[in-house]
Amino acid sequence: MPQINLTPAQRKIHRAEAHHLDPVVLIGADGLTPAVRKEVDAALKAHGLIKVRVFSDDRQAREAMLQTLAEELGAAPIQHIGKLLVLWRPVPQKARSVDEDRRPGPRDVKVLKFSKRGGQRPEVKVVRVLGNQRLTAGGRVKKARVVKKSPKKSA
């Protein structure tokens, strides 16, 4: 995969976002092994913007690692500062499966009960409403009625 080319303004935005991040992947004395490439790829899939710490004193080797990772993984090299490398790749959209049997889950609803005297605060009550229930205008919870179909009409 070719690396992603960004404009200087885009790079600046990603550098600012990466400022507070901690290194996710550490590269030791063995250098860029297939396991390291796999971990960097997994981190890019999960986070999109990552920092990688390299425990090497050779600056040229670190620059080469940054370019190699960017080219092989289809990422954009954002920054190389000291022993930290910053890489970015857009996070892929997750495919969501539609579950036909899924029903709405419970939700918490605040019910305000106003006082008959005007000067007092309303009473706040939190009510849990399940998927088969509804809330009336008076603040009461009612179950939904099950509509039974006749066997003659369904046939």
Protein backbone atom coordinates (compact mmCIF):
# COMPACT_ATOMS: atom_id res chain seq x y z
CA MET A 1 0.00 0.00 0.00
CA PRO A 2 1.30 3.46 -0.77
CA GLN A 3 1.57 5.93 2.06
CA ILE A 4 -0.99 8.71 2.48
CA ASN A 5 0.14 12.19 1.52
CA LEU A 6 -1.19 15.01 3.69
CA THR A 7 -0.97 18.77 3.41
CA PRO A 8 1.04 20.64 6.04
CA ALA A 9 -2.20 21.98 7.57
CA GLN A 10 -3.59 18.45 7.97
CA ARG A 11 -0.30 17.30 9.48
CA LYS A 12 -0.45 20.17 11.94
CA ILE A 13 -3.95 19.15 13.06
CA HIS A 14 -2.87 15.53 13.59
CA ARG A 15 0.26 16.62 15.48
CA ALA A 16 -1.93 18.63 17.85
CA GLU A 17 -4.27 15.65 18.37
CA ALA A 18 -1.31 13.32 19.03
CA HIS A 19 0.29 15.60 21.60
CA HIS A 20 -1.44 14.03 24.62
CA LEU A 21 -1.21 10.41 23.39
CA ASP A 22 1.05 7.82 24.96
CA PRO A 23 3.10 5.38 22.84
CA VAL A 24 1.05 2.33 21.93
CA VAL A 25 3.79 0.21 20.32
CA LEU A 26 7.39 -0.12 21.46
CA ILE A 27 10.14 -1.15 19.05
CA GLY A 28 13.11 -2.77 20.76
CA ALA A 29 16.58 -3.84 19.68
CA ASP A 30 15.24 -6.35 17.12
CA GLY A 31 13.85 -3.52 15.01
CA LEU A 32 10.91 -3.90 12.63
CA THR A 33 9.89 -7.52 12.99
CA PRO A 34 6.68 -8.94 11.45
CA ALA A 35 5.15 -9.00 14.94
CA VAL A 36 5.83 -5.27 15.36
CA ARG A 37 4.29 -4.52 11.95
CA LYS A 38 1.23 -6.55 12.91
CA GLU A 39 0.82 -4.67 16.21
CA VAL A 40 1.22 -1.28 14.53
CA ASP A 41 -1.40 -2.30 11.93
CA ALA A 42 -3.81 -3.43 14.67
CA ALA A 43 -3.27 -0.18 16.61
CA LEU A 44 -3.92 1.90 13.47
CA LYS A 45 -7.14 -0.04 12.83
CA ALA A 46 -8.29 0.55 16.40
CA HIS A 47 -7.17 4.14 17.01
CA GLY A 48 -6.23 5.76 13.70
CA LEU A 49 -3.59 8.04 15.24
CA ILE A 50 -0.80 6.38 17.23
CA LYS A 51 2.62 7.01 18.71
CA VAL A 52 5.42 4.46 18.42
CA ARG A 53 8.51 4.55 20.67
CA VAL A 54 11.78 3.30 19.19
CA PHE A 55 14.59 2.26 21.54
CA SER A 56 17.36 3.00 19.07
CA ASP A 57 19.94 5.78 19.14
CA ASP A 58 20.40 5.89 15.34
CA ARG A 59 18.31 8.75 13.93
CA GLN A 60 18.62 7.54 10.33
CA ALA A 61 17.34 4.10 11.33
CA ARG A 62 14.33 5.67 13.06
CA GLU A 63 13.52 7.77 9.98
CA ALA A 64 13.80 4.66 7.83
CA MET A 65 11.44 2.81 10.20
CA LEU A 66 8.90 5.65 9.95
CA GLN A 67 8.97 5.61 6.15
CA THR A 68 8.84 1.79 6.00
CA LEU A 69 5.85 1.61 8.35
CA ALA A 70 4.04 4.35 6.43
CA GLU A 71 4.58 2.65 3.06
CA GLU A 72 3.82 -0.92 4.14
CA LEU A 73 0.71 -0.10 6.20
CA GLY A 74 -0.74 2.65 4.00
CA ALA A 75 -0.42 5.30 6.70
CA ALA A 76 0.73 8.90 6.79
CA PRO A 77 3.93 9.79 8.68
CA ILE A 78 2.95 12.73 10.88
CA GLN A 79 5.97 13.44 13.06
CA HIS A 80 9.34 12.11 14.14
CA ILE A 81 10.49 13.81 17.29
CA GLY A 82 13.22 12.25 19.39
CA LYS A 83 12.51 8.54 19.73
CA LEU A 84 8.77 8.93 19.05
CA LEU A 85 7.13 8.29 15.70
CA VAL A 86 3.58 9.44 15.00
CA LEU A 87 1.49 7.67 12.34
CA TRP A 88 -2.05 8.27 11.12
CA ARG A 89 -4.46 6.25 9.02
CA PRO A 90 -8.23 6.76 8.78
CA VAL A 91 -10.17 4.27 10.89
CA PRO A 92 -12.24 1.93 8.68
CA GLN A 93 -15.99 1.95 9.15
CA LYS A 94 -17.29 -1.07 11.00
CA ALA A 95 -19.98 -3.09 9.26
CA ARG A 96 -23.09 -3.31 11.40
CA SER A 97 -25.36 -6.26 11.06
CA VAL A 98 -29.07 -5.68 11.32
CA ASP A 99 -30.56 -7.91 13.97
CA GLU A 100 -34.21 -8.57 13.20
CA ASP A 101 -35.01 -9.85 16.70
CA ARG A 102 -33.56 -6.81 18.45
CA ARG A 103 -35.96 -4.75 20.50
CA PRO A 104 -35.51 -1.38 22.17
CA GLY A 105 -33.78 -1.55 25.52
CA PRO A 106 -34.71 0.10 28.80
CA ARG A 107 -34.32 3.84 29.17
CA ASP A 108 -34.43 6.14 32.17
CA VAL A 109 -36.91 9.01 31.93
CA LYS A 110 -37.24 11.96 34.31
CA VAL A 111 -40.81 12.69 35.35
CA LEU A 112 -41.61 16.11 36.80
CA LYS A 113 -44.59 16.28 39.13
CA PHE A 114 -45.58 19.89 39.67
CA SER A 115 -47.05 21.02 42.98
CA LYS A 116 -50.61 22.29 43.16
CA ARG A 117 -49.22 25.30 44.98
CA GLY A 118 -47.21 27.42 42.61
CA GLY A 119 -44.27 28.39 44.81
CA GLN A 120 -42.72 24.96 45.35
CA ARG A 121 -40.20 23.10 43.23
CA PRO A 122 -41.46 20.23 41.13
CA GLU A 123 -40.80 16.72 42.36
CA VAL A 124 -38.32 14.89 40.08
CA LYS A 125 -38.68 11.14 39.78
CA VAL A 126 -36.57 8.92 37.51
CA VAL A 127 -38.55 6.06 36.00
CA ARG A 128 -37.13 3.13 34.03
CA VAL A 129 -39.22 2.45 30.94
CA LEU A 130 -38.75 -0.90 29.22
CA GLY A 131 -39.07 -1.50 25.50
CA ASN A 132 -42.66 -2.74 25.73
CA GLN A 133 -43.83 0.13 27.97
CA ARG A 134 -44.83 3.72 27.45
CA LEU A 135 -45.12 6.78 29.64
CA THR A 136 -48.49 8.53 29.91
CA ALA A 137 -48.97 12.28 30.14
CA GLY A 138 -49.59 11.91 33.89
CA GLY A 139 -46.21 10.23 34.41
CA ARG A 140 -47.46 6.67 34.79
CA VAL A 141 -45.87 3.67 33.10
CA LYS A 142 -48.19 1.50 31.02
CA LYS A 143 -47.38 -1.79 29.33
CA ALA A 144 -48.09 -2.09 25.67
CA ARG A 145 -50.98 -4.34 24.83
CA VAL A 146 -50.26 -7.43 22.82
CA VAL A 147 -52.45 -7.42 19.75
CA LYS A 148 -53.50 -10.96 19.00
CA LYS A 149 -54.34 -11.77 15.43
CA SER A 150 -57.10 -14.14 14.71
CA PRO A 151 -56.15 -17.41 13.01
CA LYS A 152 -58.80 -16.79 10.35
CA LYS A 153 -57.38 -13.41 9.30
CA SER A 154 -53.77 -14.58 9.27
CA ALA A 155 -54.63 -17.58 7.03
